[in-house]
Amino acid sequence: MDQALEILPADYWRWWLLSHAPESSDSEFTWENFQQSVNKDLADVLGNFVSRVTKFCRSKFGEEVPAGGSYGPQEEALIADLTARIAAYQGHMDAIEVRKAAQELRAIWVAGNEYLQSAAPWAAFKEDPERAAAIVRLSLNLIRLYAVLSAPFIPDSAETMMNAFGPDAVRDWPAGTAADFEALEPGAAFTVPENLFAKIADESREDWQTRFAGTRS
């Protein structure tokens, strides 16, 4: 474990171990699978969402939750979908089905990414800044929500996300209502966090495979 923490932060290992927990089937560690899990789940899905939202907001609205605009059918559909998914996530956690909970948590992250890509605030801003403001406001609220939901799996990264909204940000577990998506009010300040996750390069993976290959007797 000491050697593991020397090469990567604890959250990288926690995510792989918990998301591959051998609850109903065997689980085997491979460096290729570990690399894929970190790069796709943590860097491409969660980390990319946080970076895109906060940096876009900073460039167009400044470092505060933008006012203006209102949620429309697209936002209402996302909120309904995520409310159901959060309930499923909670159910898996209560049943100590950690692997299933991790799968649901990843699906919650993915939903935010798909919404951001579809709503495209960067395009909306050119024609309707109010619409872009509403998209960004919901997306920032998703980051806060993701921080709360992700804490059991990746606590250090979750704390980094939450700290972006200051010490007074709401840390309550979601209650299953629309208020879960409006905890950050317009005008609330935030900072753009540093890159949450660094991708694992092929060269690093190959080096670790060689260094920690061990021997078979």
C-alpha atoms as a PDB file:
ATOM      1  CA  MET A   1       0.000   0.000   0.000  1.00  0.00           C
ATOM      2  CA  ASP A   2       2.859   2.379   0.713  1.00  0.00           C
ATOM      3  CA  GLN A   3       4.181   1.857  -2.805  1.00  0.00           C
ATOM      4  CA  ALA A   4       0.704   2.303  -4.269  1.00  0.00           C
ATOM      5  CA  LEU A   5       0.289   5.675  -2.574  1.00  0.00           C
ATOM      6  CA  GLU A   6       3.714   6.763  -3.757  1.00  0.00           C
ATOM      7  CA  ILE A   7       2.655   6.566  -7.392  1.00  0.00           C
ATOM      8  CA  LEU A   8      -0.989   7.724  -7.224  1.00  0.00           C
ATOM      9  CA  PRO A   9      -3.373   9.363  -4.711  1.00  0.00           C
ATOM     10  CA  ALA A  10      -5.616   7.186  -2.565  1.00  0.00           C
ATOM     11  CA  ASP A  11      -8.823   8.104  -4.428  1.00  0.00           C
ATOM     12  CA  TYR A  12      -7.596   6.415  -7.603  1.00  0.00           C
ATOM     13  CA  TRP A  13      -7.150   3.127  -5.735  1.00  0.00           C
ATOM     14  CA  ARG A  14     -10.319   3.522  -3.681  1.00  0.00           C
ATOM     15  CA  TRP A  15     -12.391   3.991  -6.820  1.00  0.00           C
ATOM     16  CA  TRP A  16     -11.029   0.872  -8.537  1.00  0.00           C
ATOM     17  CA  LEU A  17     -11.221  -1.323  -5.450  1.00  0.00           C
ATOM     18  CA  LEU A  18     -14.755  -0.295  -4.510  1.00  0.00           C
ATOM     19  CA  SER A  19     -16.135  -0.264  -8.048  1.00  0.00           C
ATOM     20  CA  HIS A  20     -14.701  -3.753  -8.591  1.00  0.00           C
ATOM     21  CA  ALA A  21     -15.652  -5.183  -5.208  1.00  0.00           C
ATOM     22  CA  PRO A  22     -16.039  -8.991  -5.592  1.00  0.00           C
ATOM     23  CA  GLU A  23     -19.581  -9.175  -4.226  1.00  0.00           C
ATOM     24  CA  SER A  24     -21.315 -11.488  -6.703  1.00  0.00           C
ATOM     25  CA  SER A  25     -18.393 -12.465  -8.918  1.00  0.00           C
ATOM     26  CA  ASP A  26     -14.619 -12.653  -8.742  1.00  0.00           C
ATOM     27  CA  SER A  27     -12.553  -9.581  -9.457  1.00  0.00           C
ATOM     28  CA  GLU A  28      -9.020  -9.552 -10.834  1.00  0.00           C
ATOM     29  CA  PHE A  29      -6.717  -6.563 -10.864  1.00  0.00           C
ATOM     30  CA  THR A  30      -4.922  -5.753 -14.096  1.00  0.00           C
ATOM     31  CA  TRP A  31      -2.972  -2.610 -14.813  1.00  0.00           C
ATOM     32  CA  GLU A  32      -4.858  -2.163 -18.095  1.00  0.00           C
ATOM     33  CA  ASN A  33      -8.223  -2.293 -16.365  1.00  0.00           C
ATOM     34  CA  PHE A  34      -7.027   0.046 -13.626  1.00  0.00           C
ATOM     35  CA  GLN A  35      -5.780   2.549 -16.202  1.00  0.00           C
ATOM     36  CA  GLN A  36      -9.053   2.393 -18.116  1.00  0.00           C
ATOM     37  CA  SER A  37     -11.136   2.841 -14.978  1.00  0.00           C
ATOM     38  CA  VAL A  38      -9.174   5.882 -13.820  1.00  0.00           C
ATOM     39  CA  ASN A  39      -8.987   7.511 -17.232  1.00  0.00           C
ATOM     40  CA  LYS A  40     -12.591   6.942 -18.290  1.00  0.00           C
ATOM     41  CA  ASP A  41     -14.530   7.120 -15.023  1.00  0.00           C
ATOM     42  CA  LEU A  42     -12.574   9.653 -13.014  1.00  0.00           C
ATOM     43  CA  ALA A  43     -10.773  11.808 -15.579  1.00  0.00           C
ATOM     44  CA  ASP A  44     -13.053  11.745 -18.624  1.00  0.00           C
ATOM     45  CA  VAL A  45     -16.428  11.660 -16.872  1.00  0.00           C
ATOM     46  CA  LEU A  46     -16.224  13.367 -13.475  1.00  0.00           C
ATOM     47  CA  GLY A  47     -13.072  15.457 -13.778  1.00  0.00           C
ATOM     48  CA  ASN A  48     -13.910  16.676 -17.262  1.00  0.00           C
ATOM     49  CA  PHE A  49     -17.402  17.754 -16.205  1.00  0.00           C
ATOM     50  CA  VAL A  50     -16.112  19.789 -13.267  1.00  0.00           C
ATOM     51  CA  SER A  51     -13.431  21.441 -15.380  1.00  0.00           C
ATOM     52  CA  ARG A  52     -15.679  22.318 -18.320  1.00  0.00           C
ATOM     53  CA  VAL A  53     -18.459  23.775 -16.199  1.00  0.00           C
ATOM     54  CA  THR A  54     -16.345  25.893 -13.861  1.00  0.00           C
ATOM     55  CA  LYS A  55     -14.018  27.214 -16.558  1.00  0.00           C
ATOM     56  CA  PHE A  56     -16.854  28.090 -18.906  1.00  0.00           C
ATOM     57  CA  CYS A  57     -18.718  29.885 -16.142  1.00  0.00           C
ATOM     58  CA  ARG A  58     -15.617  31.828 -15.176  1.00  0.00           C
ATOM     59  CA  SER A  59     -15.053  32.933 -18.773  1.00  0.00           C
ATOM     60  CA  LYS A  60     -18.652  34.066 -19.419  1.00  0.00           C
ATOM     61  CA  PHE A  61     -20.201  34.934 -16.056  1.00  0.00           C
ATOM     62  CA  GLY A  62     -17.308  35.265 -13.625  1.00  0.00           C
ATOM     63  CA  GLU A  63     -16.621  33.159 -10.554  1.00  0.00           C
ATOM     64  CA  GLU A  64     -20.140  33.137  -9.183  1.00  0.00           C
ATOM     65  CA  VAL A  65     -23.305  31.169  -9.820  1.00  0.00           C
ATOM     66  CA  PRO A  66     -25.075  33.029 -12.637  1.00  0.00           C
ATOM     67  CA  ALA A  67     -28.572  34.426 -12.246  1.00  0.00           C
ATOM     68  CA  GLY A  68     -31.138  34.662 -14.999  1.00  0.00           C
ATOM     69  CA  GLY A  69     -33.055  32.154 -17.028  1.00  0.00           C
ATOM     70  CA  SER A  70     -35.148  29.304 -15.708  1.00  0.00           C
ATOM     71  CA  TYR A  71     -35.126  25.532 -15.927  1.00  0.00           C
ATOM     72  CA  GLY A  72     -37.014  24.112 -18.876  1.00  0.00           C
ATOM     73  CA  PRO A  73     -38.129  20.633 -19.983  1.00  0.00           C
ATOM     74  CA  GLN A  74     -34.540  19.452 -20.494  1.00  0.00           C
ATOM     75  CA  GLU A  75     -33.560  20.406 -16.953  1.00  0.00           C
ATOM     76  CA  GLU A  76     -36.752  18.973 -15.474  1.00  0.00           C
ATOM     77  CA  ALA A  77     -36.112  15.653 -17.244  1.00  0.00           C
ATOM     78  CA  LEU A  78     -32.561  15.535 -15.933  1.00  0.00           C
ATOM     79  CA  ILE A  79     -33.665  16.326 -12.379  1.00  0.00           C
ATOM     80  CA  ALA A  80     -36.303  13.579 -12.506  1.00  0.00           C
ATOM     81  CA  ASP A  81     -33.785  11.074 -13.864  1.00  0.00           C
ATOM     82  CA  LEU A  82     -31.139  11.957 -11.290  1.00  0.00           C
ATOM     83  CA  THR A  83     -33.634  11.915  -8.420  1.00  0.00           C
ATOM     84  CA  ALA A  84     -34.501   8.318  -9.325  1.00  0.00           C
ATOM     85  CA  ARG A  85     -30.863   7.371  -9.749  1.00  0.00           C
ATOM     86  CA  ILE A  86     -29.902   8.896  -6.413  1.00  0.00           C
ATOM     87  CA  ALA A  87     -32.636   6.858  -4.728  1.00  0.00           C
ATOM     88  CA  ALA A  88     -31.257   3.711  -6.389  1.00  0.00           C
ATOM     89  CA  TYR A  89     -27.741   4.665  -5.296  1.00  0.00           C
ATOM     90  CA  GLN A  90     -28.959   5.161  -1.743  1.00  0.00           C
ATOM     91  CA  GLY A  91     -30.665   1.766  -1.852  1.00  0.00           C
ATOM     92  CA  HIS A  92     -27.489   0.011  -2.951  1.00  0.00           C
ATOM     93  CA  MET A  93     -25.496   1.761  -0.242  1.00  0.00           C
ATOM     94  CA  ASP A  94     -28.032   0.799   2.426  1.00  0.00           C
ATOM     95  CA  ALA A  95     -27.846  -2.818   1.241  1.00  0.00           C
ATOM     96  CA  ILE A  96     -24.020  -2.645   1.254  1.00  0.00           C
ATOM     97  CA  GLU A  97     -23.976  -3.429  -2.460  1.00  0.00           C
ATOM     98  CA  VAL A  98     -20.883  -1.347  -3.026  1.00  0.00           C
ATOM     99  CA  ARG A  99     -20.164  -2.439  -6.570  1.00  0.00           C
ATOM    100  CA  LYS A 100     -23.722  -1.674  -7.705  1.00  0.00           C
ATOM    101  CA  ALA A 101     -23.588   1.644  -5.862  1.00  0.00           C
ATOM    102  CA  ALA A 102     -20.413   2.569  -7.748  1.00  0.00           C
ATOM    103  CA  GLN A 103     -22.069   1.721 -11.059  1.00  0.00           C
ATOM    104  CA  GLU A 104     -25.033   3.940 -10.183  1.00  0.00           C
ATOM    105  CA  LEU A 105     -22.751   6.753  -9.055  1.00  0.00           C
ATOM    106  CA  ARG A 106     -20.904   6.619 -12.367  1.00  0.00           C
ATOM    107  CA  ALA A 107     -24.254   6.719 -14.196  1.00  0.00           C
ATOM    108  CA  ILE A 108     -25.130   9.852 -12.217  1.00  0.00           C
ATOM    109  CA  TRP A 109     -21.864  11.462 -13.349  1.00  0.00           C
ATOM    110  CA  VAL A 110     -22.515  10.397 -16.947  1.00  0.00           C
ATOM    111  CA  ALA A 111     -26.000  11.920 -16.914  1.00  0.00           C
ATOM    112  CA  GLY A 112     -24.523  15.309 -16.078  1.00  0.00           C
ATOM    113  CA  ASN A 113     -22.006  15.017 -18.901  1.00  0.00           C
ATOM    114  CA  GLU A 114     -24.668  14.032 -21.414  1.00  0.00           C
ATOM    115  CA  TYR A 115     -26.859  16.933 -20.306  1.00  0.00           C
ATOM    116  CA  LEU A 116     -23.983  19.410 -20.631  1.00  0.00           C
ATOM    117  CA  GLN A 117     -23.122  18.156 -24.095  1.00  0.00           C
ATOM    118  CA  SER A 118     -26.750  18.283 -25.225  1.00  0.00           C
ATOM    119  CA  ALA A 119     -27.642  21.627 -23.648  1.00  0.00           C
ATOM    120  CA  ALA A 120     -24.385  23.156 -24.958  1.00  0.00           C
ATOM    121  CA  PRO A 121     -24.231  26.404 -22.954  1.00  0.00           C
ATOM    122  CA  TRP A 122     -21.331  27.610 -25.110  1.00  0.00           C
ATOM    123  CA  ALA A 123     -23.678  27.629 -28.125  1.00  0.00           C
ATOM    124  CA  ALA A 124     -26.675  28.924 -26.187  1.00  0.00           C
ATOM    125  CA  PHE A 125     -24.653  31.863 -24.862  1.00  0.00           C
ATOM    126  CA  LYS A 126     -24.316  33.325 -28.351  1.00  0.00           C
ATOM    127  CA  GLU A 127     -28.074  33.554 -28.908  1.00  0.00           C
ATOM    128  CA  ASP A 128     -29.593  33.427 -25.416  1.00  0.00           C
ATOM    129  CA  PRO A 129     -27.296  34.235 -22.473  1.00  0.00           C
ATOM    130  CA  GLU A 130     -30.193  33.748 -20.046  1.00  0.00           C
ATOM    131  CA  ARG A 131     -30.598  30.167 -21.226  1.00  0.00           C
ATOM    132  CA  ALA A 132     -26.854  29.593 -20.876  1.00  0.00           C
ATOM    133  CA  ALA A 133     -26.991  30.987 -17.335  1.00  0.00           C
ATOM    134  CA  ALA A 134     -29.675  28.477 -16.330  1.00  0.00           C
ATOM    135  CA  ILE A 135     -27.692  25.576 -17.809  1.00  0.00           C
ATOM    136  CA  VAL A 136     -24.541  26.607 -15.994  1.00  0.00           C
ATOM    137  CA  ARG A 137     -26.392  27.212 -12.727  1.00  0.00           C
ATOM    138  CA  LEU A 138     -27.798  23.683 -12.765  1.00  0.00           C
ATOM    139  CA  SER A 139     -24.418  22.250 -13.756  1.00  0.00           C
ATOM    140  CA  LEU A 140     -22.673  23.990 -10.857  1.00  0.00           C
ATOM    141  CA  ASN A 141     -25.323  22.588  -8.545  1.00  0.00           C
ATOM    142  CA  LEU A 142     -24.567  19.161  -9.968  1.00  0.00           C
ATOM    143  CA  ILE A 143     -20.910  19.556  -9.011  1.00  0.00           C
ATOM    144  CA  ARG A 144     -21.921  20.282  -5.426  1.00  0.00           C
ATOM    145  CA  LEU A 145     -24.272  17.312  -5.490  1.00  0.00           C
ATOM    146  CA  TYR A 146     -21.590  15.070  -6.983  1.00  0.00           C
ATOM    147  CA  ALA A 147     -19.249  16.081  -4.179  1.00  0.00           C
ATOM    148  CA  VAL A 148     -21.766  14.914  -1.570  1.00  0.00           C
ATOM    149  CA  LEU A 149     -22.602  11.675  -3.367  1.00  0.00           C
ATOM    150  CA  SER A 150     -19.001  10.814  -4.189  1.00  0.00           C
ATOM    151  CA  ALA A 151     -17.566  11.298  -0.700  1.00  0.00           C
ATOM    152  CA  PRO A 152     -17.918   7.616   0.326  1.00  0.00           C
ATOM    153  CA  PHE A 153     -15.862   6.542  -2.693  1.00  0.00           C
ATOM    154  CA  ILE A 154     -13.387   9.351  -3.389  1.00  0.00           C
ATOM    155  CA  PRO A 155     -13.361  11.520  -0.255  1.00  0.00           C
ATOM    156  CA  ASP A 156     -10.332  13.672  -1.073  1.00  0.00           C
ATOM    157  CA  SER A 157     -11.611  14.616  -4.533  1.00  0.00           C
ATOM    158  CA  ALA A 158     -15.101  15.160  -3.145  1.00  0.00           C
ATOM    159  CA  GLU A 159     -13.677  17.583  -0.601  1.00  0.00           C
ATOM    160  CA  THR A 160     -11.841  19.458  -3.354  1.00  0.00           C
ATOM    161  CA  MET A 161     -15.093  19.832  -5.283  1.00  0.00           C
ATOM    162  CA  MET A 162     -16.995  20.983  -2.205  1.00  0.00           C
ATOM    163  CA  ASN A 163     -14.277  23.424  -1.166  1.00  0.00           C
ATOM    164  CA  ALA A 164     -14.678  25.183  -4.507  1.00  0.00           C
ATOM    165  CA  PHE A 165     -17.964  26.557  -3.156  1.00  0.00           C
ATOM    166  CA  GLY A 166     -16.585  27.772   0.149  1.00  0.00           C
ATOM    167  CA  PRO A 167     -16.989  26.681   3.774  1.00  0.00           C
ATOM    168  CA  ASP A 168     -20.702  27.463   3.905  1.00  0.00           C
ATOM    169  CA  ALA A 169     -21.747  25.246   0.996  1.00  0.00           C
ATOM    170  CA  VAL A 170     -24.590  22.850   1.823  1.00  0.00           C
ATOM    171  CA  ARG A 171     -23.211  19.391   2.535  1.00  0.00           C
ATOM    172  CA  ASP A 172     -26.487  17.653   3.384  1.00  0.00           C
ATOM    173  CA  TRP A 173     -27.274  14.308   1.781  1.00  0.00           C
ATOM    174  CA  PRO A 174     -29.924  14.814  -0.939  1.00  0.00           C
ATOM    175  CA  ALA A 175     -33.489  14.697   0.304  1.00  0.00           C
ATOM    176  CA  GLY A 176     -35.037  13.609  -3.004  1.00  0.00           C
ATOM    177  CA  THR A 177     -36.596  16.967  -3.842  1.00  0.00           C
ATOM    178  CA  ALA A 178     -35.981  19.726  -6.374  1.00  0.00           C
ATOM    179  CA  ALA A 179     -34.152  21.657  -3.650  1.00  0.00           C
ATOM    180  CA  ASP A 180     -31.225  19.242  -4.079  1.00  0.00           C
ATOM    181  CA  PHE A 181     -30.518  20.964  -7.396  1.00  0.00           C
ATOM    182  CA  GLU A 182     -30.852  24.533  -6.151  1.00  0.00           C
ATOM    183  CA  ALA A 183     -28.598  24.537  -3.090  1.00  0.00           C
ATOM    184  CA  LEU A 184     -26.217  27.017  -4.744  1.00  0.00           C
ATOM    185  CA  GLU A 185     -28.076  30.293  -5.118  1.00  0.00           C
ATOM    186  CA  PRO A 186     -27.360  32.874  -7.836  1.00  0.00           C
ATOM    187  CA  GLY A 187     -24.466  35.073  -6.838  1.00  0.00           C
ATOM    188  CA  ALA A 188     -22.759  32.427  -4.704  1.00  0.00           C
ATOM    189  CA  ALA A 189     -19.013  32.527  -5.241  1.00  0.00           C
ATOM    190  CA  PHE A 190     -16.900  29.610  -6.367  1.00  0.00           C
ATOM    191  CA  THR A 191     -13.327  28.933  -7.420  1.00  0.00           C
ATOM    192  CA  VAL A 192     -12.158  26.766 -10.297  1.00  0.00           C
ATOM    193  CA  PRO A 193     -10.535  23.696  -8.757  1.00  0.00           C
ATOM    194  CA  GLU A 194      -7.300  22.323 -10.089  1.00  0.00           C
ATOM    195  CA  ASN A 195      -7.503  19.317 -12.380  1.00  0.00           C
ATOM    196  CA  LEU A 196      -9.114  16.649 -10.229  1.00  0.00           C
ATOM    197  CA  PHE A 197      -7.590  13.607 -11.893  1.00  0.00           C
ATOM    198  CA  ALA A 198      -4.525  13.074 -14.042  1.00  0.00           C
ATOM    199  CA  LYS A 199      -4.825  10.441 -16.715  1.00  0.00           C
ATOM    200  CA  ILE A 200      -2.532   7.433 -16.513  1.00  0.00           C
ATOM    201  CA  ALA A 201      -0.255   7.390 -19.544  1.00  0.00           C
ATOM    202  CA  ASP A 202       0.626   4.133 -21.270  1.00  0.00           C
ATOM    203  CA  GLU A 203       4.271   4.683 -20.395  1.00  0.00           C
ATOM    204  CA  SER A 204       3.479   4.921 -16.679  1.00  0.00           C
ATOM    205  CA  ARG A 205       1.279   1.833 -16.805  1.00  0.00           C
ATOM    206  CA  GLU A 206       3.996  -0.154 -18.552  1.00  0.00           C
ATOM    207  CA  ASP A 207       6.593   1.002 -16.021  1.00  0.00           C
ATOM    208  CA  TRP A 208       4.407  -0.049 -13.086  1.00  0.00           C
ATOM    209  CA  GLN A 209       3.661  -3.394 -14.712  1.00  0.00           C
ATOM    210  CA  THR A 210       7.378  -4.065 -14.879  1.00  0.00           C
ATOM    211  CA  ARG A 211       8.225  -2.742 -11.425  1.00  0.00           C
ATOM    212  CA  PHE A 212       5.478  -4.599  -9.610  1.00  0.00           C
ATOM    213  CA  ALA A 213       5.286  -7.745 -11.698  1.00  0.00           C
ATOM    214  CA  GLY A 214       6.658  -9.986  -8.921  1.00  0.00           C
ATOM    215  CA  THR A 215       7.551 -13.599  -9.575  1.00  0.00           C
ATOM    216  CA  ARG A 216       5.557 -16.791  -9.733  1.00  0.00           C
ATOM    217  CA  SER A 217       6.869 -19.825  -7.933  1.00  0.00           C
END
